[in-house]
Amino acid sequence: MTDSVYVGNAGVDAALDRGWLLGHFKDASDPRHCEAVEIKWGVHPRGDERAEWVTGEERTALLVLVSGRFRVELPGRSVLLAQQGDYVVWGRGVDHSWFAEEESVVLTVRWPSVPGYKVIDEAASAVGASGHPVDRT
């Protein structure tokens, strides 16, 4: 790695930081540090769900299904992503949650990258069936 280049594997790197590949939470010296956008490679076992709804959302998000069957819950609407490439976009002020109906991989892009959405939950610090930490963000 040079100061401005990072080469990695999403599956490997995601396991090191709750799925997050890029965002404000990376060290400032890391080329993956960014306050403009966050990118997550989310690997979710069947039945995995967000510990609680995100409320007071300040970001815009794009969530793309890579594999599996994944449900995104929005106020008054449930969106099922069932085919590779299905996606949903929501903006500022839209509360949300999610549930993995099958083992799923999703790519999430959020902007801007701002702190304050991590759920502190005892189960979240547990290790999932895959052997990786369970992500509740």
Protein backbone atom coordinates (compact mmCIF):
# COMPACT_ATOMS: atom_id res chain seq x y z
CA MET A 1 0.00 0.00 0.00
CA THR A 2 1.24 3.50 -0.80
CA ASP A 3 -0.12 6.62 0.87
CA SER A 4 -2.90 6.99 -1.70
CA VAL A 5 -3.59 3.44 -2.94
CA TYR A 6 -5.19 0.51 -1.18
CA VAL A 7 -5.85 -2.86 -2.81
CA GLY A 8 -7.91 -5.44 -0.97
CA ASN A 9 -10.72 -7.96 -1.05
CA ALA A 10 -14.18 -6.87 0.12
CA GLY A 11 -14.93 -10.21 1.78
CA VAL A 12 -11.66 -10.26 3.70
CA ASP A 13 -11.51 -6.56 4.59
CA ALA A 14 -15.19 -6.36 5.55
CA ALA A 15 -14.69 -8.99 8.24
CA LEU A 16 -12.17 -6.70 9.93
CA ASP A 17 -14.48 -3.70 10.45
CA ARG A 18 -18.13 -4.84 10.71
CA GLY A 19 -18.41 -4.80 6.92
CA TRP A 20 -17.27 -1.24 6.36
CA LEU A 21 -14.70 -0.71 3.63
CA LEU A 22 -14.63 3.08 3.43
CA GLY A 23 -15.81 6.01 5.58
CA HIS A 24 -15.08 8.50 8.33
CA PHE A 25 -14.29 5.68 10.80
CA LYS A 26 -11.10 4.59 9.01
CA ASP A 27 -7.83 6.07 10.28
CA ALA A 28 -7.10 9.44 8.68
CA SER A 29 -3.85 8.08 7.20
CA ASP A 30 -5.73 5.24 5.43
CA PRO A 31 -6.75 5.89 1.79
CA ARG A 32 -10.16 4.43 2.75
CA HIS A 33 -10.83 7.32 5.15
CA CYS A 34 -13.57 9.48 3.68
CA GLU A 35 -16.05 11.92 5.13
CA ALA A 36 -18.04 12.18 1.91
CA VAL A 37 -19.20 8.56 1.56
CA GLU A 38 -19.32 5.18 3.34
CA ILE A 39 -19.20 1.79 1.63
CA LYS A 40 -20.10 -1.52 3.27
CA TRP A 41 -19.83 -5.13 2.08
CA GLY A 42 -22.47 -6.66 4.32
CA VAL A 43 -22.50 -10.41 4.82
CA HIS A 44 -25.62 -11.43 6.74
CA PRO A 45 -26.62 -14.94 7.87
CA ARG A 46 -30.26 -15.98 7.45
CA GLY A 47 -32.37 -14.31 10.14
CA ASP A 48 -29.90 -11.50 10.83
CA GLU A 49 -31.65 -8.22 11.52
CA ARG A 50 -30.81 -4.70 12.56
CA ALA A 51 -31.00 -4.41 16.36
CA GLU A 52 -33.20 -1.29 16.12
CA TRP A 53 -34.57 1.13 13.54
CA VAL A 54 -32.41 4.03 12.37
CA THR A 55 -34.30 7.22 13.18
CA GLY A 56 -33.39 10.79 12.39
CA GLU A 57 -31.47 9.69 9.30
CA GLU A 58 -29.10 12.39 7.97
CA ARG A 59 -27.70 10.39 5.06
CA THR A 60 -28.79 9.14 1.66
CA ALA A 61 -28.27 5.41 1.09
CA LEU A 62 -28.11 2.95 -1.79
CA LEU A 63 -28.33 -0.75 -0.93
CA VAL A 64 -27.67 -3.31 -3.70
CA LEU A 65 -28.32 -7.05 -3.37
CA VAL A 66 -25.30 -9.13 -4.42
CA SER A 67 -26.75 -12.48 -3.33
CA GLY A 68 -29.49 -13.91 -1.14
CA ARG A 69 -32.85 -12.44 -0.17
CA PHE A 70 -32.86 -9.23 1.89
CA ARG A 71 -35.72 -7.09 3.17
CA VAL A 72 -35.44 -3.36 3.87
CA GLU A 73 -38.12 -1.91 6.13
CA LEU A 74 -39.11 1.71 5.54
CA PRO A 75 -41.98 3.68 7.09
CA GLY A 76 -45.17 2.22 5.65
CA ARG A 77 -43.27 0.08 3.14
CA SER A 78 -41.33 -3.17 3.02
CA VAL A 79 -38.94 -3.64 0.09
CA LEU A 80 -37.82 -7.16 -0.82
CA LEU A 81 -34.54 -7.50 -2.71
CA ALA A 82 -34.67 -10.98 -4.24
CA GLN A 83 -32.69 -10.92 -7.49
CA GLN A 84 -29.02 -10.06 -7.85
CA GLY A 85 -28.79 -6.37 -8.63
CA ASP A 86 -32.10 -5.38 -6.98
CA TYR A 87 -31.58 -2.15 -5.09
CA VAL A 88 -33.31 0.50 -3.03
CA VAL A 89 -32.38 4.14 -2.40
CA TRP A 90 -33.66 6.29 0.45
CA GLY A 91 -32.80 9.79 1.51
CA ARG A 92 -32.48 12.04 4.50
CA GLY A 93 -35.25 11.73 7.01
CA VAL A 94 -36.28 8.19 5.99
CA ASP A 95 -36.13 5.83 8.97
CA HIS A 96 -35.20 2.24 8.17
CA SER A 97 -34.34 -1.25 9.33
CA TRP A 98 -33.49 -4.54 7.60
CA PHE A 99 -33.81 -8.33 7.80
CA ALA A 100 -31.92 -11.10 5.97
CA GLU A 101 -34.55 -13.61 4.80
CA GLU A 102 -31.74 -15.82 3.45
CA GLU A 103 -27.98 -15.66 3.82
CA SER A 104 -27.26 -12.43 1.95
CA VAL A 105 -24.50 -10.20 0.70
CA VAL A 106 -25.39 -6.54 0.16
CA LEU A 107 -23.34 -3.55 -0.92
CA THR A 108 -24.32 -0.34 0.84
CA VAL A 109 -23.21 3.15 -0.17
CA ARG A 110 -24.15 6.02 2.16
CA TRP A 111 -23.40 9.70 1.99
CA PRO A 112 -22.20 11.77 3.71
CA SER A 113 -20.16 9.71 6.16
CA VAL A 114 -21.20 10.87 9.61
CA PRO A 115 -20.82 9.29 13.07
CA GLY A 116 -23.69 8.43 15.36
CA TYR A 117 -25.57 5.46 13.90
CA LYS A 118 -23.80 2.50 15.47
CA VAL A 119 -26.08 0.42 17.69
CA ILE A 120 -24.42 -0.62 20.94
CA ASP A 121 -25.89 -4.04 21.62
CA GLU A 122 -24.52 -7.01 23.57
CA ALA A 123 -25.50 -9.37 20.74
CA ALA A 124 -23.72 -7.10 18.24
CA SER A 125 -20.39 -7.78 19.88
CA ALA A 126 -20.96 -11.52 19.58
CA VAL A 127 -19.39 -13.61 16.88
CA GLY A 128 -21.85 -14.77 14.23
CA ALA A 129 -22.22 -18.23 12.71
CA SER A 130 -19.65 -17.28 10.05
CA GLY A 131 -17.03 -16.71 12.75
CA HIS A 132 -17.02 -12.97 12.07
CA PRO A 133 -18.33 -10.25 14.39
CA VAL A 134 -22.04 -9.58 13.99
CA ASP A 135 -22.71 -6.15 12.50
CA ARG A 136 -25.64 -4.11 13.79
CA THR A 137 -24.81 -0.82 12.07
